Amino acid sequence: QVQLVESGGGWVQPGGSLRLSCTASGSIFTLCDMGWYRQAPGKERELVATITSAGSTNYADSLKGRFTISRDNVKSTVYLQMNSLKPEDTAVYYCNAALGHLNRWGQGTQVTVSS
């Protein structure tokens, strides 16, 4: 089993940066494909970025160049570096772990971008 705990959300002004972290419990983190998703008020949850167990990354087209996903298998943590943040990036950001039939979500962390 995997449990996920996100951190690093908060309020930031437009143009600012935040780094989200998601730490996984359990011993299978290195086998999991990890991802970040977000859900804005009144909208469906959408993909932000994913990183496979082998380290291959994938991004939502609209976020390429501003967001970077990475993972530290020693710390069982996946990161999302967010730069040049815009008000439309305001959302609850969720961490996801996937491995075969396993699909786990974190509780989410709020990111608010406003002046």
N, C-alpha and C. Protein backbone atom coordinates (compact mmCIF):
# COMPACT_ATOMS: atom_id res chain seq x y z
N GLN A 1 0.83 -1.18 0.00
CA GLN A 1 0.00 0.00 0.00
C GLN A 1 0.87 1.24 0.00
N VAL A 2 0.34 2.32 -0.54
CA VAL A 2 1.04 3.60 -0.61
C VAL A 2 0.14 4.68 -0.06
N GLN A 3 0.66 5.49 0.82
CA GLN A 3 -0.04 6.69 1.27
C GLN A 3 0.77 7.90 0.86
N LEU A 4 0.05 8.92 0.40
CA LEU A 4 0.71 10.10 -0.15
C LEU A 4 0.37 11.34 0.67
N VAL A 5 1.36 12.14 0.96
CA VAL A 5 1.16 13.38 1.70
C VAL A 5 1.81 14.52 0.93
N GLU A 6 0.97 15.47 0.49
CA GLU A 6 1.46 16.63 -0.25
C GLU A 6 1.77 17.77 0.70
N SER A 7 2.67 18.62 0.28
CA SER A 7 2.99 19.83 1.02
C SER A 7 3.56 20.86 0.06
N GLY A 8 3.66 22.10 0.53
CA GLY A 8 4.30 23.14 -0.26
C GLY A 8 3.35 24.12 -0.92
N GLY A 9 2.05 23.88 -0.79
CA GLY A 9 1.10 24.82 -1.37
C GLY A 9 1.03 26.10 -0.56
N GLY A 10 0.28 27.05 -1.09
CA GLY A 10 0.14 28.33 -0.40
C GLY A 10 -0.28 29.42 -1.35
N TRP A 11 -0.06 30.64 -0.90
CA TRP A 11 -0.39 31.82 -1.70
C TRP A 11 0.87 32.41 -2.29
N VAL A 12 0.78 32.81 -3.54
CA VAL A 12 1.92 33.44 -4.20
C VAL A 12 1.40 34.47 -5.19
N GLN A 13 2.17 35.51 -5.39
CA GLN A 13 1.79 36.54 -6.35
C GLN A 13 2.06 36.06 -7.78
N PRO A 14 1.34 36.61 -8.74
CA PRO A 14 1.62 36.26 -10.14
C PRO A 14 3.09 36.47 -10.48
N GLY A 15 3.65 35.52 -11.20
CA GLY A 15 5.07 35.57 -11.53
C GLY A 15 5.95 34.85 -10.54
N GLY A 16 5.39 34.48 -9.41
CA GLY A 16 6.18 33.81 -8.38
C GLY A 16 6.34 32.33 -8.63
N SER A 17 6.99 31.67 -7.69
CA SER A 17 7.28 30.24 -7.79
C SER A 17 6.88 29.51 -6.51
N LEU A 18 6.57 28.26 -6.68
CA LEU A 18 6.32 27.36 -5.56
C LEU A 18 6.87 25.98 -5.93
N ARG A 19 7.26 25.22 -4.92
CA ARG A 19 7.64 23.83 -5.13
C ARG A 19 6.77 22.96 -4.25
N LEU A 20 6.01 22.09 -4.89
CA LEU A 20 5.19 21.13 -4.18
C LEU A 20 5.98 19.84 -3.97
N SER A 21 5.71 19.20 -2.84
CA SER A 21 6.33 17.90 -2.54
C SER A 21 5.24 16.89 -2.23
N CYS A 22 5.50 15.66 -2.57
CA CYS A 22 4.59 14.57 -2.25
C CYS A 22 5.44 13.40 -1.77
N THR A 23 5.30 13.07 -0.51
CA THR A 23 6.08 11.99 0.08
C THR A 23 5.21 10.76 0.25
N ALA A 24 5.74 9.63 -0.17
CA ALA A 24 4.99 8.38 -0.15
C ALA A 24 5.49 7.46 0.97
N SER A 25 4.56 6.84 1.64
CA SER A 25 4.92 5.79 2.59
C SER A 25 4.91 4.46 1.85
N GLY A 26 5.41 3.43 2.48
CA GLY A 26 5.46 2.13 1.82
C GLY A 26 6.77 1.93 1.09
N SER A 27 6.96 0.72 0.59
CA SER A 27 8.25 0.34 0.03
C SER A 27 8.27 0.22 -1.48
N ILE A 28 7.18 0.62 -2.13
CA ILE A 28 7.10 0.39 -3.57
C ILE A 28 7.20 1.67 -4.38
N PHE A 29 7.59 2.76 -3.74
CA PHE A 29 7.61 4.05 -4.44
C PHE A 29 8.42 3.98 -5.72
N THR A 30 9.55 3.32 -5.67
CA THR A 30 10.42 3.30 -6.84
C THR A 30 9.78 2.60 -8.04
N LEU A 31 8.78 1.78 -7.79
CA LEU A 31 8.10 1.05 -8.86
C LEU A 31 6.94 1.84 -9.45
N CYS A 32 6.51 2.89 -8.73
CA CYS A 32 5.31 3.62 -9.12
C CYS A 32 5.58 4.71 -10.14
N ASP A 33 4.65 4.84 -11.07
CA ASP A 33 4.58 6.05 -11.89
C ASP A 33 3.86 7.11 -11.05
N MET A 34 4.42 8.29 -11.01
CA MET A 34 3.88 9.36 -10.17
C MET A 34 3.38 10.51 -11.02
N GLY A 35 2.41 11.23 -10.48
CA GLY A 35 1.86 12.34 -11.24
C GLY A 35 1.32 13.44 -10.36
N TRP A 36 1.22 14.59 -10.94
CA TRP A 36 0.54 15.73 -10.33
C TRP A 36 -0.66 16.10 -11.20
N TYR A 37 -1.78 16.33 -10.54
CA TYR A 37 -3.00 16.76 -11.19
C TYR A 37 -3.53 17.97 -10.42
N ARG A 38 -4.43 18.70 -11.03
CA ARG A 38 -5.00 19.83 -10.33
C ARG A 38 -6.48 19.98 -10.66
N GLN A 39 -7.18 20.60 -9.73
CA GLN A 39 -8.61 20.83 -9.93
C GLN A 39 -8.95 22.23 -9.45
N ALA A 40 -9.38 23.05 -10.37
CA ALA A 40 -9.81 24.40 -10.05
C ALA A 40 -11.30 24.38 -9.72
N PRO A 41 -11.77 25.39 -9.00
CA PRO A 41 -13.20 25.42 -8.64
C PRO A 41 -14.09 25.36 -9.87
N GLY A 42 -15.05 24.46 -9.84
CA GLY A 42 -15.99 24.35 -10.95
C GLY A 42 -15.46 23.65 -12.18
N LYS A 43 -14.24 23.12 -12.08
CA LYS A 43 -13.64 22.45 -13.24
C LYS A 43 -13.28 21.01 -12.88
N GLU A 44 -13.06 20.21 -13.92
CA GLU A 44 -12.65 18.83 -13.71
C GLU A 44 -11.17 18.76 -13.36
N ARG A 45 -10.80 17.68 -12.72
CA ARG A 45 -9.40 17.45 -12.43
C ARG A 45 -8.64 17.23 -13.73
N GLU A 46 -7.46 17.85 -13.84
CA GLU A 46 -6.69 17.74 -15.07
C GLU A 46 -5.25 17.37 -14.79
N LEU A 47 -4.64 16.77 -15.78
CA LEU A 47 -3.24 16.38 -15.69
C LEU A 47 -2.34 17.61 -15.66
N VAL A 48 -1.36 17.59 -14.78
CA VAL A 48 -0.32 18.60 -14.79
C VAL A 48 0.95 17.99 -15.37
N ALA A 49 1.43 16.92 -14.73
CA ALA A 49 2.66 16.27 -15.19
C ALA A 49 2.75 14.88 -14.59
N THR A 50 3.46 14.01 -15.28
CA THR A 50 3.72 12.67 -14.77
C THR A 50 5.19 12.34 -14.93
N ILE A 51 5.65 11.40 -14.10
CA ILE A 51 7.01 10.89 -14.22
C ILE A 51 6.96 9.39 -13.94
N THR A 52 7.51 8.63 -14.87
CA THR A 52 7.46 7.18 -14.72
C THR A 52 8.50 6.71 -13.71
N SER A 53 8.44 5.43 -13.39
CA SER A 53 9.41 4.85 -12.47
C SER A 53 10.82 4.95 -13.06
N ALA A 54 10.90 5.00 -14.38
CA ALA A 54 12.20 5.11 -15.04
C ALA A 54 12.67 6.55 -15.21
N GLY A 55 11.79 7.51 -14.85
CA GLY A 55 12.18 8.91 -14.91
C GLY A 55 11.73 9.67 -16.14
N SER A 56 10.95 9.04 -17.00
CA SER A 56 10.43 9.75 -18.17
C SER A 56 9.30 10.67 -17.74
N THR A 57 9.29 11.86 -18.31
CA THR A 57 8.31 12.87 -17.90
C THR A 57 7.34 13.21 -19.02
N ASN A 58 6.18 13.69 -18.62
CA ASN A 58 5.15 14.12 -19.55
C ASN A 58 4.43 15.31 -18.92
N TYR A 59 4.11 16.30 -19.73
CA TYR A 59 3.48 17.52 -19.22
C TYR A 59 2.24 17.88 -20.03
N ALA A 60 1.31 18.53 -19.36
CA ALA A 60 0.23 19.17 -20.09
C ALA A 60 0.85 20.22 -21.02
N ASP A 61 0.39 20.26 -22.25
CA ASP A 61 1.00 21.15 -23.24
C ASP A 61 1.04 22.60 -22.75
N SER A 62 -0.02 23.03 -22.09
CA SER A 62 -0.12 24.43 -21.69
C SER A 62 0.87 24.79 -20.57
N LEU A 63 1.47 23.77 -19.92
CA LEU A 63 2.34 24.03 -18.78
C LEU A 63 3.82 23.78 -19.07
N LYS A 64 4.10 23.27 -20.26
CA LYS A 64 5.50 23.01 -20.62
C LYS A 64 6.31 24.29 -20.55
N GLY A 65 7.48 24.17 -19.94
CA GLY A 65 8.37 25.31 -19.82
C GLY A 65 8.22 26.08 -18.52
N ARG A 66 7.09 25.91 -17.83
CA ARG A 66 6.91 26.61 -16.55
C ARG A 66 6.97 25.65 -15.37
N PHE A 67 6.50 24.42 -15.58
CA PHE A 67 6.44 23.43 -14.50
C PHE A 67 7.44 22.32 -14.77
N THR A 68 8.05 21.80 -13.70
CA THR A 68 8.99 20.70 -13.81
C THR A 68 8.70 19.66 -12.74
N ILE A 69 8.53 18.42 -13.16
CA ILE A 69 8.32 17.32 -12.23
C ILE A 69 9.62 16.56 -12.07
N SER A 70 9.88 16.12 -10.86
CA SER A 70 11.08 15.32 -10.60
C SER A 70 10.78 14.39 -9.43
N ARG A 71 11.67 13.43 -9.24
CA ARG A 71 11.47 12.49 -8.14
C ARG A 71 12.81 12.16 -7.49
N ASP A 72 12.73 11.87 -6.20
CA ASP A 72 13.89 11.43 -5.43
C ASP A 72 13.52 10.09 -4.81
N ASN A 73 14.01 9.03 -5.39
CA ASN A 73 13.61 7.70 -4.93
C ASN A 73 14.17 7.37 -3.55
N VAL A 74 15.26 8.00 -3.16
CA VAL A 74 15.81 7.77 -1.82
C VAL A 74 14.86 8.35 -0.77
N LYS A 75 14.30 9.50 -1.07
CA LYS A 75 13.37 10.16 -0.13
C LYS A 75 11.92 9.78 -0.39
N SER A 76 11.66 8.94 -1.38
CA SER A 76 10.29 8.55 -1.75
C SER A 76 9.41 9.77 -1.95
N THR A 77 9.94 10.73 -2.67
CA THR A 77 9.26 12.01 -2.84
C THR A 77 9.26 12.41 -4.30
N VAL A 78 8.14 12.95 -4.73
CA VAL A 78 8.03 13.55 -6.06
C VAL A 78 7.77 15.04 -5.87
N TYR A 79 8.37 15.83 -6.74
CA TYR A 79 8.30 17.28 -6.64
C TYR A 79 7.63 17.88 -7.88
N LEU A 80 7.05 19.05 -7.67
CA LEU A 80 6.57 19.83 -8.80
C LEU A 80 7.06 21.27 -8.60
N GLN A 81 8.01 21.66 -9.40
CA GLN A 81 8.51 23.04 -9.38
C GLN A 81 7.65 23.86 -10.33
N MET A 82 7.05 24.92 -9.80
CA MET A 82 6.15 25.75 -10.58
C MET A 82 6.71 27.17 -10.63
N ASN A 83 7.00 27.64 -11.82
CA ASN A 83 7.56 28.98 -12.01
C ASN A 83 6.61 29.83 -12.83
N SER A 84 6.82 31.13 -12.77
CA SER A 84 6.01 32.09 -13.54
C SER A 84 4.53 31.80 -13.36
N LEU A 85 4.13 31.68 -12.12
CA LEU A 85 2.75 31.29 -11.84
C LEU A 85 1.76 32.37 -12.26
N LYS A 86 0.60 31.92 -12.69
CA LYS A 86 -0.47 32.80 -13.17
C LYS A 86 -1.72 32.57 -12.33
N PRO A 87 -2.60 33.54 -12.30
CA PRO A 87 -3.85 33.34 -11.54
C PRO A 87 -4.61 32.09 -11.97
N GLU A 88 -4.52 31.74 -13.23
CA GLU A 88 -5.25 30.54 -13.70
C GLU A 88 -4.61 29.24 -13.23
N ASP A 89 -3.47 29.31 -12.58
CA ASP A 89 -2.87 28.13 -11.97
C ASP A 89 -3.48 27.84 -10.59
N THR A 90 -4.32 28.73 -10.12
CA THR A 90 -4.97 28.51 -8.83
C THR A 90 -5.82 27.25 -8.87
N ALA A 91 -5.57 26.34 -7.92
CA ALA A 91 -6.25 25.05 -7.91
C ALA A 91 -5.80 24.28 -6.68
N VAL A 92 -6.48 23.17 -6.44
CA VAL A 92 -5.97 22.17 -5.51
C VAL A 92 -5.13 21.20 -6.33
N TYR A 93 -3.92 20.99 -5.89
CA TYR A 93 -2.99 20.11 -6.60
C TYR A 93 -2.92 18.76 -5.87
N TYR A 94 -3.08 17.69 -6.64
CA TYR A 94 -3.12 16.35 -6.10
C TYR A 94 -1.96 15.53 -6.63
N CYS A 95 -1.39 14.73 -5.75
CA CYS A 95 -0.36 13.78 -6.12
C CYS A 95 -1.01 12.43 -6.39
N ASN A 96 -0.48 11.69 -7.34
CA ASN A 96 -1.02 10.39 -7.71
C ASN A 96 0.11 9.38 -7.84
N ALA A 97 -0.17 8.16 -7.37
CA ALA A 97 0.77 7.05 -7.54
C ALA A 97 0.05 5.92 -8.25
N ALA A 98 0.67 5.37 -9.28
CA ALA A 98 0.05 4.31 -10.06
C ALA A 98 1.03 3.18 -10.28
N LEU A 99 0.51 1.96 -10.07
CA LEU A 99 1.32 0.76 -10.32
C LEU A 99 0.36 -0.39 -10.55
N GLY A 100 0.23 -0.81 -11.79
CA GLY A 100 -0.72 -1.87 -12.10
C GLY A 100 -2.12 -1.45 -11.69
N HIS A 101 -2.76 -2.25 -10.83
CA HIS A 101 -4.11 -1.93 -10.35
C HIS A 101 -4.10 -0.88 -9.25
N LEU A 102 -2.94 -0.57 -8.72
CA LEU A 102 -2.84 0.41 -7.64
C LEU A 102 -2.99 1.82 -8.21
N ASN A 103 -3.83 2.60 -7.58
CA ASN A 103 -4.01 4.00 -7.98
C ASN A 103 -4.38 4.79 -6.73
N ARG A 104 -3.44 5.56 -6.22
CA ARG A 104 -3.63 6.28 -4.96
C ARG A 104 -3.51 7.77 -5.18
N TRP A 105 -4.32 8.51 -4.38
CA TRP A 105 -4.31 9.97 -4.43
C TRP A 105 -3.95 10.52 -3.07
N GLY A 106 -3.27 11.64 -3.07
CA GLY A 106 -3.06 12.38 -1.85
C GLY A 106 -4.27 13.22 -1.52
N GLN A 107 -4.19 13.96 -0.42
CA GLN A 107 -5.34 14.75 0.04
C GLN A 107 -5.43 16.09 -0.68
N GLY A 108 -4.39 16.46 -1.37
CA GLY A 108 -4.40 17.73 -2.11
C GLY A 108 -3.79 18.86 -1.32
N THR A 109 -3.22 19.81 -2.04
CA THR A 109 -2.68 21.01 -1.42
C THR A 109 -3.11 22.21 -2.26
N GLN A 110 -3.58 23.25 -1.59
CA GLN A 110 -4.13 24.42 -2.27
C GLN A 110 -3.01 25.34 -2.74
N VAL A 111 -3.10 25.75 -3.98
CA VAL A 111 -2.21 26.78 -4.54
C VAL A 111 -3.09 27.94 -4.99
N THR A 112 -2.79 29.11 -4.49
CA THR A 112 -3.54 30.32 -4.85
C THR A 112 -2.58 31.35 -5.40
N VAL A 113 -2.85 31.81 -6.61
CA VAL A 113 -2.02 32.80 -7.27
C VAL A 113 -2.85 34.06 -7.45
N SER A 114 -2.50 35.09 -6.72
CA SER A 114 -3.25 36.34 -6.82
C SER A 114 -2.40 37.48 -6.30
N SER A 115 -2.80 38.68 -6.69
CA SER A 115 -2.10 39.86 -6.21
C SER A 115 -2.88 40.50 -5.08
